[in-house]
C-alpha atoms as a PDB file:
ATOM      1  CA  MET A   1      49.978 -32.682  17.427  1.00  0.00           C
ATOM      2  CA  HIS A   2      53.388 -32.684  14.484  1.00  0.00           C
ATOM      3  CA  THR A   3      56.709 -33.529  16.292  1.00  0.00           C
ATOM      4  CA  ILE A   4      59.912 -33.414  14.498  1.00  0.00           C
ATOM      5  CA  LYS A   5      62.422 -36.171  15.414  1.00  0.00           C
ATOM      6  CA  VAL A   6      65.742 -34.629  15.883  1.00  0.00           C
ATOM      7  CA  GLN A   7      68.258 -37.901  15.725  1.00  0.00           C
ATOM      8  CA  GLY A   8      71.040 -38.766  18.055  1.00  0.00           C
ATOM      9  CA  ARG A   9      73.370 -41.728  19.542  1.00  0.00           C
ATOM     10  CA  ASN A  10      71.977 -41.302  22.725  1.00  0.00           C
ATOM     11  CA  ASN A  11      69.086 -42.149  23.166  1.00  0.00           C
ATOM     12  CA  LYS A  12      69.343 -43.045  26.933  1.00  0.00           C
ATOM     13  CA  HIS A  13      66.257 -40.800  28.030  1.00  0.00           C
ATOM     14  CA  ARG A  14      62.923 -39.606  26.216  1.00  0.00           C
ATOM     15  CA  VAL A  15      63.194 -35.668  25.573  1.00  0.00           C
ATOM     16  CA  LEU A  16      60.534 -33.465  24.349  1.00  0.00           C
ATOM     17  CA  LEU A  17      60.659 -29.841  23.545  1.00  0.00           C
ATOM     18  CA  TYR A  18      58.036 -27.146  23.402  1.00  0.00           C
ATOM     19  CA  VAL A  19      59.496 -24.603  21.064  1.00  0.00           C
ATOM     20  CA  LEU A  20      58.294 -21.412  19.537  1.00  0.00           C
ATOM     21  CA  SER A  21      60.175 -21.129  16.048  1.00  0.00           C
ATOM     22  CA  THR A  22      61.161 -17.749  16.480  1.00  0.00           C
ATOM     23  CA  CYS A  23      62.699 -18.154  20.207  1.00  0.00           C
ATOM     24  CA  PRO A  24      66.585 -17.712  20.281  1.00  0.00           C
ATOM     25  CA  TRP A  25      66.400 -19.238  23.802  1.00  0.00           C
ATOM     26  CA  CYS A  26      64.347 -22.017  21.915  1.00  0.00           C
ATOM     27  CA  LYS A  27      67.153 -22.841  19.145  1.00  0.00           C
ATOM     28  CA  LYS A  28      69.816 -22.442  21.466  1.00  0.00           C
ATOM     29  CA  GLU A  29      68.711 -25.262  23.671  1.00  0.00           C
ATOM     30  CA  LYS A  30      68.179 -27.655  20.416  1.00  0.00           C
ATOM     31  CA  GLN A  31      71.328 -26.333  19.670  1.00  0.00           C
ATOM     32  CA  LEU A  32      72.739 -27.683  23.374  1.00  0.00           C
ATOM     33  CA  LEU A  33      71.060 -31.214  22.635  1.00  0.00           C
ATOM     34  CA  ARG A  34      72.656 -31.488  18.784  1.00  0.00           C
ATOM     35  CA  ASP A  35      75.905 -30.685  20.548  1.00  0.00           C
ATOM     36  CA  ASN A  36      75.947 -33.534  22.924  1.00  0.00           C
ATOM     37  CA  ASN A  37      74.310 -36.101  20.556  1.00  0.00           C
ATOM     38  CA  ILE A  38      70.766 -36.140  22.905  1.00  0.00           C
ATOM     39  CA  GLU A  39      68.127 -37.657  20.533  1.00  0.00           C
ATOM     40  CA  PHE A  40      65.180 -35.396  21.276  1.00  0.00           C
ATOM     41  CA  GLU A  41      61.591 -34.108  19.523  1.00  0.00           C
ATOM     42  CA  TYR A  42      60.178 -30.921  19.478  1.00  0.00           C
ATOM     43  CA  VAL A  43      57.074 -29.114  19.018  1.00  0.00           C
ATOM     44  CA  ASP A  44      57.037 -25.684  17.407  1.00  0.00           C
ATOM     45  CA  VAL A  45      54.107 -24.631  19.122  1.00  0.00           C
ATOM     46  CA  ASP A  46      53.055 -21.283  17.374  1.00  0.00           C
ATOM     47  CA  LEU A  47      52.814 -23.286  14.521  1.00  0.00           C
ATOM     48  CA  CYS A  48      50.242 -25.762  16.024  1.00  0.00           C
ATOM     49  CA  ASN A  49      46.341 -25.298  15.821  1.00  0.00           C
ATOM     50  CA  ASP A  50      44.250 -24.235  18.162  1.00  0.00           C
ATOM     51  CA  GLU A  51      43.114 -27.528  19.725  1.00  0.00           C
ATOM     52  CA  ASP A  52      47.008 -28.991  20.218  1.00  0.00           C
ATOM     53  CA  TYR A  53      48.068 -25.871  21.574  1.00  0.00           C
ATOM     54  CA  GLU A  54      45.697 -26.094  24.223  1.00  0.00           C
ATOM     55  CA  LYS A  55      46.862 -29.639  24.725  1.00  0.00           C
ATOM     56  CA  ILE A  56      50.485 -28.490  24.897  1.00  0.00           C
ATOM     57  CA  ARG A  57      49.019 -25.571  27.639  1.00  0.00           C
ATOM     58  CA  SER A  58      46.879 -28.550  29.511  1.00  0.00           C
ATOM     59  CA  ASP A  59      50.536 -30.725  29.411  1.00  0.00           C
ATOM     60  CA  ILE A  60      52.905 -27.942  30.647  1.00  0.00           C
ATOM     61  CA  LEU A  61      50.622 -26.653  33.368  1.00  0.00           C
ATOM     62  CA  SER A  62      49.595 -30.388  34.930  1.00  0.00           C
ATOM     63  CA  ARG A  63      53.194 -30.817  35.262  1.00  0.00           C
ATOM     64  CA  GLY A  64      53.325 -27.627  37.725  1.00  0.00           C
ATOM     65  CA  GLY A  65      55.269 -25.683  35.307  1.00  0.00           C
ATOM     66  CA  ARG A  66      55.200 -22.071  33.375  1.00  0.00           C
ATOM     67  CA  PHE A  67      53.368 -21.849  30.347  1.00  0.00           C
ATOM     68  CA  SER A  68      56.917 -20.607  28.750  1.00  0.00           C
ATOM     69  CA  PHE A  69      59.415 -21.709  26.302  1.00  0.00           C
ATOM     70  CA  PRO A  70      61.298 -23.414  25.774  1.00  0.00           C
ATOM     71  CA  ALA A  71      59.692 -26.099  28.136  1.00  0.00           C
ATOM     72  CA  VAL A  72      61.529 -29.452  27.858  1.00  0.00           C
ATOM     73  CA  ILE A  73      60.143 -33.008  29.612  1.00  0.00           C
ATOM     74  CA  ILE A  74      62.641 -35.790  29.742  1.00  0.00           C
ATOM     75  CA  ASP A  75      61.381 -39.368  30.642  1.00  0.00           C
ATOM     76  CA  ASP A  76      57.816 -37.979  30.622  1.00  0.00           C
ATOM     77  CA  ARG A  77      58.397 -36.471  34.258  1.00  0.00           C
ATOM     78  CA  ILE A  78      60.984 -34.062  34.684  1.00  0.00           C
ATOM     79  CA  LEU A  79      60.018 -30.540  33.531  1.00  0.00           C
ATOM     80  CA  ILE A  80      62.223 -28.020  33.190  1.00  0.00           C
ATOM     81  CA  ASN A  81      60.758 -24.690  31.789  1.00  0.00           C
ATOM     82  CA  GLY A  82      63.558 -21.640  29.842  1.00  0.00           C
ATOM     83  CA  PHE A  83      67.448 -22.556  29.215  1.00  0.00           C
ATOM     84  CA  ARG A  84      68.683 -24.120  32.154  1.00  0.00           C
ATOM     85  CA  GLU A  85      71.434 -25.320  30.668  1.00  0.00           C
ATOM     86  CA  ASP A  86      73.107 -26.558  34.119  1.00  0.00           C
ATOM     87  CA  GLU A  87      69.424 -28.166  34.897  1.00  0.00           C
ATOM     88  CA  ILE A  88      68.976 -30.095  32.147  1.00  0.00           C
ATOM     89  CA  LYS A  89      72.278 -31.538  31.259  1.00  0.00           C
ATOM     90  CA  LYS A  90      71.772 -32.955  34.777  1.00  0.00           C
ATOM     91  CA  ALA A  91      68.887 -34.467  34.110  1.00  0.00           C
ATOM     92  CA  LEU A  92      70.114 -35.747  30.895  1.00  0.00           C
ATOM     93  CA  GLU A  93      73.581 -37.387  33.018  1.00  0.00           C
ATOM     94  CA  ILE A  94      75.505 -35.437  29.618  1.00  0.00           C
END
């Protein structure tokens, strides 16, 4: 699976985003992280091959989430579906 890393001064948490390349909410979520200098990685799910797509789908569902985007996983234990700015800020302590 191809992840893209975005550097940031704040790397206190491990942040992984599953996004769609054309989704405006996904773009807002990435911008929120950039604006707060959060280091993160992301995967454009719609550009993945079928095998990676299924791995991502399984990962999100196994964490009790919905297969919708954006989906952010923080420290490999917190899953937030959708652009939930307040929840993201609280989880990232920003």
